[in-house]
């Protein structure tokens, strides 16, 4: 370097240090990304996820987790599934296993999301279920929790044949109010929407399907879902009369969708 001036010599002498620092910085970033992918964060990841639920992800990740879609290993054979995780509501750790479509017609879509149900599954290993009314972006506007019924492990309450009911004790999240009542569910329901939608009427002969709670007097915002087994518009309800059990005719849309979570 005898022909170089002092400024050029200083630049050349500093190259190894500069390049080394940049390589170290890139290596640190790659390690962080690799760690996040292996942990199962981010939908569309090609790496095998290590967490079996949103709750296990929340319990093992460092720092606060962000609501969003995560890749989870939800079955014993390692099936990878993209699922929405809620890390905020009621302490977090909720995995969304079903959400109604804003396109109104779910005749063939009233089952849980792929890979989440059955023996040894995420739903089987959960203890608590949450029915909620959410917006399209999964913002929750009403939610009730109750012990996850064993009847809801093999398939969703909307896909059970006929009309069934089980006794549950549910808690409204925003104020902790608790009530015991009959949860009606299945593929049978009411003949027409024009008859009025009364959960307390019990099962009808129609094929419409309905999920709702009766308590003898109605509860103000226990989430309900109607019309999912026919070609009529699906209805998602976030409110009911406290005296008649009558639900308003609210068509599912971007601001009001029925959803199910487990933890």
Protein backbone atom coordinates (compact mmCIF):
# COMPACT_ATOMS: atom_id res chain seq x y z
CA UNK A 1 0.00 0.00 0.00
CA UNK A 2 3.00 2.30 -0.36
CA UNK A 3 1.31 4.34 -3.11
CA UNK A 4 -1.84 5.05 -1.09
CA UNK A 5 -2.39 8.22 0.89
CA UNK A 6 -3.08 8.08 4.63
CA UNK A 7 -6.88 8.34 4.23
CA UNK A 8 -7.04 5.33 1.88
CA UNK A 9 -4.82 3.30 4.19
CA UNK A 10 -7.14 3.98 7.15
CA UNK A 11 -10.18 2.87 5.13
CA UNK A 12 -8.49 -0.37 4.03
CA UNK A 13 -7.22 -1.12 7.54
CA UNK A 14 -10.77 -0.74 8.88
CA UNK A 15 -12.41 -3.09 6.37
CA UNK A 16 -11.90 -6.36 8.34
CA UNK A 17 -13.40 -4.87 11.49
CA UNK A 18 -16.35 -3.35 9.62
CA UNK A 19 -17.12 -6.53 7.69
CA UNK A 20 -16.83 -8.65 10.82
CA UNK A 21 -19.27 -6.43 12.69
CA UNK A 22 -21.77 -6.63 9.84
CA UNK A 23 -21.46 -10.42 9.63
CA UNK A 24 -22.03 -10.67 13.38
CA UNK A 25 -25.14 -8.47 13.13
CA UNK A 26 -26.60 -10.54 10.30
CA UNK A 27 -25.88 -13.78 12.19
CA UNK A 28 -27.68 -12.44 15.25
CA UNK A 29 -30.74 -11.51 13.15
CA UNK A 30 -30.81 -14.92 11.46
CA UNK A 31 -30.61 -16.68 14.81
CA UNK A 32 -33.56 -14.67 16.12
CA UNK A 33 -35.65 -15.44 13.03
CA UNK A 34 -34.76 -19.13 13.17
CA UNK A 35 -35.68 -19.30 16.85
CA UNK A 36 -39.08 -17.67 16.18
CA UNK A 37 -39.85 -20.02 13.30
CA UNK A 38 -38.92 -23.12 15.29
CA UNK A 39 -41.13 -21.90 18.14
CA UNK A 40 -44.01 -21.89 15.70
CA UNK A 41 -44.69 -18.21 15.16
CA UNK A 42 -45.96 -16.80 11.93
CA UNK A 43 -48.41 -18.45 9.57
CA UNK A 44 -46.94 -20.16 6.56
CA UNK A 45 -43.74 -21.29 8.29
CA UNK A 46 -42.11 -24.33 6.65
CA UNK A 47 -40.35 -25.42 9.84
CA UNK A 48 -41.94 -27.98 12.12
CA UNK A 49 -43.69 -26.11 14.97
CA UNK A 50 -42.84 -27.16 18.51
CA UNK A 51 -45.87 -25.82 20.40
CA UNK A 52 -49.15 -27.72 20.62
CA UNK A 53 -51.43 -24.79 21.50
CA UNK A 54 -51.51 -21.03 21.91
CA UNK A 55 -51.37 -21.56 25.67
CA UNK A 56 -48.17 -23.62 25.49
CA UNK A 57 -46.65 -21.06 23.14
CA UNK A 58 -47.47 -18.24 25.56
CA UNK A 59 -46.04 -20.18 28.48
CA UNK A 60 -42.73 -20.94 26.76
CA UNK A 61 -41.99 -17.81 24.74
CA UNK A 62 -39.91 -15.02 26.23
CA UNK A 63 -41.60 -11.65 26.47
CA UNK A 64 -45.20 -10.76 25.64
CA UNK A 65 -46.81 -12.63 22.73
CA UNK A 66 -48.75 -10.80 20.02
CA UNK A 67 -52.22 -11.82 18.86
CA UNK A 68 -52.12 -13.40 15.41
CA UNK A 69 -51.87 -16.61 13.41
CA UNK A 70 -49.29 -19.17 14.54
CA UNK A 71 -48.23 -22.59 13.30
CA UNK A 72 -49.06 -25.20 15.95
CA UNK A 73 -48.40 -28.94 16.27
CA UNK A 74 -51.89 -29.89 17.36
CA UNK A 75 -51.93 -33.70 17.12
CA UNK A 76 -49.64 -36.52 18.33
CA UNK A 77 -48.40 -37.19 14.78
CA UNK A 78 -47.12 -33.64 14.50
CA UNK A 79 -49.68 -32.23 12.05
CA UNK A 80 -48.94 -28.52 11.55
CA UNK A 81 -51.94 -26.19 11.57
CA UNK A 82 -52.19 -22.42 11.31
CA UNK A 83 -54.45 -21.12 14.09
CA UNK A 84 -55.33 -17.72 15.49
CA UNK A 85 -54.01 -17.10 19.01
CA UNK A 86 -55.51 -14.62 21.49
CA UNK A 87 -52.93 -13.77 24.13
CA UNK A 88 -54.94 -10.97 25.77
CA UNK A 89 -58.50 -12.03 26.62
CA UNK A 90 -58.95 -13.36 30.17
CA UNK A 91 -55.23 -13.98 30.66
CA UNK A 92 -54.59 -15.16 27.09
CA UNK A 93 -53.59 -18.53 25.70
CA UNK A 94 -56.76 -19.01 23.62
CA UNK A 95 -56.69 -20.97 20.35
CA UNK A 96 -59.46 -20.15 17.89
CA UNK A 97 -60.92 -23.42 16.58
CA UNK A 98 -63.88 -22.04 14.62
CA UNK A 99 -65.09 -18.74 13.18
CA UNK A 100 -68.21 -18.18 11.08
CA UNK A 101 -67.74 -16.84 7.58
CA UNK A 102 -68.71 -13.26 6.75
CA UNK A 103 -70.02 -14.66 3.45
CA UNK A 104 -73.13 -15.85 5.34
CA UNK A 105 -73.43 -19.36 3.95
CA UNK A 106 -71.55 -22.09 5.84
CA UNK A 107 -73.55 -25.14 4.82
CA UNK A 108 -70.40 -27.25 4.50
CA UNK A 109 -68.21 -25.32 6.90
CA UNK A 110 -69.77 -25.82 10.32
CA UNK A 111 -66.93 -28.00 11.58
CA UNK A 112 -63.81 -27.11 13.53
CA UNK A 113 -60.76 -25.88 11.69
CA UNK A 114 -58.68 -28.69 10.17
CA UNK A 115 -56.63 -30.83 12.52
CA UNK A 116 -57.93 -29.46 15.82
CA UNK A 117 -60.46 -32.09 16.97
CA UNK A 118 -60.48 -35.79 17.81
CA UNK A 119 -58.62 -37.95 20.36
CA UNK A 120 -55.29 -36.49 21.46
CA UNK A 121 -55.97 -33.21 19.65
CA UNK A 122 -55.69 -29.63 20.81
CA UNK A 123 -59.40 -29.59 21.71
CA UNK A 124 -59.11 -32.90 23.55
CA UNK A 125 -56.23 -31.52 25.63
CA UNK A 126 -58.05 -28.28 26.47
CA UNK A 127 -60.08 -27.71 29.63
CA UNK A 128 -61.99 -24.51 28.88
CA UNK A 129 -64.08 -23.37 25.91
CA UNK A 130 -65.07 -19.83 24.99
CA UNK A 131 -67.97 -18.77 22.76
CA UNK A 132 -67.46 -15.27 21.41
CA UNK A 133 -68.80 -12.69 19.00
CA UNK A 134 -65.87 -11.27 17.04
CA UNK A 135 -65.17 -8.91 14.20
CA UNK A 136 -63.49 -10.09 11.01
CA UNK A 137 -60.09 -9.12 12.47
CA UNK A 138 -60.90 -11.28 15.57
CA UNK A 139 -61.54 -8.37 17.93
CA UNK A 140 -63.88 -9.77 20.60
CA UNK A 141 -67.06 -7.87 21.47
CA UNK A 142 -68.78 -10.48 23.70
CA UNK A 143 -67.45 -13.67 25.28
CA UNK A 144 -68.50 -16.38 27.73
CA UNK A 145 -66.37 -19.26 29.03
CA UNK A 146 -67.34 -22.69 30.37
CA UNK A 147 -65.67 -26.09 30.98
CA UNK A 148 -65.01 -27.76 27.62
CA UNK A 149 -67.70 -30.46 27.20
CA UNK A 150 -66.40 -33.94 26.22
CA UNK A 151 -69.14 -34.01 23.57
CA UNK A 152 -67.28 -31.28 21.68
CA UNK A 153 -63.99 -33.18 21.28
CA UNK A 154 -64.76 -35.35 18.21
CA UNK A 155 -66.62 -32.64 16.29
CA UNK A 156 -67.98 -29.13 16.64
CA UNK A 157 -71.35 -28.44 18.31
CA UNK A 158 -72.65 -27.31 14.91
CA UNK A 159 -71.81 -30.61 13.21
CA UNK A 160 -73.46 -32.95 15.73
CA UNK A 161 -76.37 -34.79 14.09
CA UNK A 162 -79.86 -33.85 15.22
CA UNK A 163 -80.58 -31.59 18.14
CA UNK A 164 -78.76 -32.06 21.45
CA UNK A 165 -78.44 -30.22 24.75
CA UNK A 166 -76.07 -30.26 27.72
CA UNK A 167 -76.13 -28.43 31.03
CA UNK A 168 -73.27 -25.95 31.42
CA UNK A 169 -72.21 -23.24 33.84
CA UNK A 170 -70.92 -20.25 31.88
CA UNK A 171 -69.17 -17.06 32.94
CA UNK A 172 -69.49 -13.72 31.16
CA UNK A 173 -65.99 -12.29 30.88
CA UNK A 174 -66.60 -8.57 31.12
CA UNK A 175 -68.16 -8.71 34.59
CA UNK A 176 -67.70 -12.28 35.86
CA UNK A 177 -71.44 -12.99 35.93
CA UNK A 178 -72.11 -16.76 36.10
CA UNK A 179 -75.20 -18.69 35.03
CA UNK A 180 -76.20 -22.35 34.63
CA UNK A 181 -78.35 -23.30 31.65
CA UNK A 182 -78.95 -25.67 28.76
CA UNK A 183 -76.68 -25.31 25.77
CA UNK A 184 -78.60 -26.37 22.65
CA UNK A 185 -76.60 -27.48 19.59
CA UNK A 186 -76.67 -29.66 16.49
CA UNK A 187 -77.79 -29.75 12.87
CA UNK A 188 -81.52 -29.49 13.58
CA UNK A 189 -83.25 -26.29 14.52
CA UNK A 190 -86.08 -24.07 13.48
CA UNK A 191 -88.10 -24.20 10.29
CA UNK A 192 -87.85 -20.57 9.23
CA UNK A 193 -86.42 -17.35 10.53
CA UNK A 194 -89.87 -15.78 10.14
CA UNK A 195 -91.13 -17.91 13.03
CA UNK A 196 -88.87 -15.99 15.34
CA UNK A 197 -85.69 -17.34 16.87
CA UNK A 198 -86.37 -18.52 20.39
CA UNK A 199 -83.75 -20.70 22.01
CA UNK A 200 -86.23 -21.67 24.73
CA UNK A 201 -88.54 -23.22 22.10
CA UNK A 202 -86.21 -26.21 22.00
CA UNK A 203 -85.56 -28.34 18.93
CA UNK A 204 -87.71 -27.93 15.86
CA UNK A 205 -88.11 -30.09 12.78
CA UNK A 206 -86.17 -27.77 10.50
CA UNK A 207 -82.62 -28.44 9.27
CA UNK A 208 -81.27 -24.99 10.00
CA UNK A 209 -79.09 -25.73 13.02
CA UNK A 210 -78.68 -23.54 16.08
CA UNK A 211 -76.27 -23.13 19.01
CA UNK A 212 -77.69 -21.15 21.94
CA UNK A 213 -78.14 -21.11 25.73
CA UNK A 214 -81.43 -21.25 27.65
CA UNK A 215 -81.62 -20.31 31.30
CA UNK A 216 -85.36 -19.88 31.81
CA UNK A 217 -85.12 -16.16 31.22
CA UNK A 218 -82.46 -15.52 28.63
CA UNK A 219 -79.01 -13.99 28.98
CA UNK A 220 -78.16 -10.64 27.52
CA UNK A 221 -75.19 -11.49 25.34
CA UNK A 222 -74.42 -15.21 25.34
CA UNK A 223 -73.20 -15.82 21.75
CA UNK A 224 -75.53 -17.81 19.51
CA UNK A 225 -75.31 -19.12 15.95
CA UNK A 226 -78.14 -20.07 13.58
CA UNK A 227 -78.73 -21.22 9.99
CA UNK A 228 -75.36 -22.87 9.36
CA UNK A 229 -76.71 -26.11 7.86
CA UNK A 230 -78.85 -24.55 5.11
CA UNK A 231 -78.39 -22.22 2.20
CA UNK A 232 -80.11 -19.40 4.05
CA UNK A 233 -78.00 -16.63 5.53
CA UNK A 234 -76.07 -17.61 8.64
CA UNK A 235 -77.00 -15.56 11.70
CA UNK A 236 -74.59 -14.59 14.48
CA UNK A 237 -76.06 -13.13 17.66
CA UNK A 238 -74.43 -11.19 20.43
CA UNK A 239 -77.53 -10.25 22.35
CA UNK A 240 -80.91 -11.64 23.39
CA UNK A 241 -83.92 -10.42 25.29
CA UNK A 242 -83.57 -11.15 29.00
CA UNK A 243 -87.26 -11.96 29.21
CA UNK A 244 -88.13 -13.88 26.03
CA UNK A 245 -84.96 -15.63 24.83
CA UNK A 246 -85.68 -14.03 21.45
CA UNK A 247 -82.64 -13.25 19.30
CA UNK A 248 -82.59 -10.46 16.72
CA UNK A 249 -82.19 -11.44 13.07
CA UNK A 250 -78.56 -10.40 12.68
CA UNK A 251 -76.87 -11.81 9.59
CA UNK A 252 -73.24 -12.75 10.15
CA UNK A 253 -70.98 -10.04 8.79
CA UNK A 254 -67.54 -8.49 9.14
CA UNK A 255 -68.47 -6.85 12.45
CA UNK A 256 -70.37 -9.76 14.03
CA UNK A 257 -69.17 -13.35 13.68
CA UNK A 258 -69.60 -16.36 15.94
CA UNK A 259 -66.32 -17.92 17.09
CA UNK A 260 -65.14 -20.74 19.36
CA UNK A 261 -61.86 -20.80 21.31
CA UNK A 262 -60.28 -23.35 23.64
CA UNK A 263 -57.57 -23.16 26.29
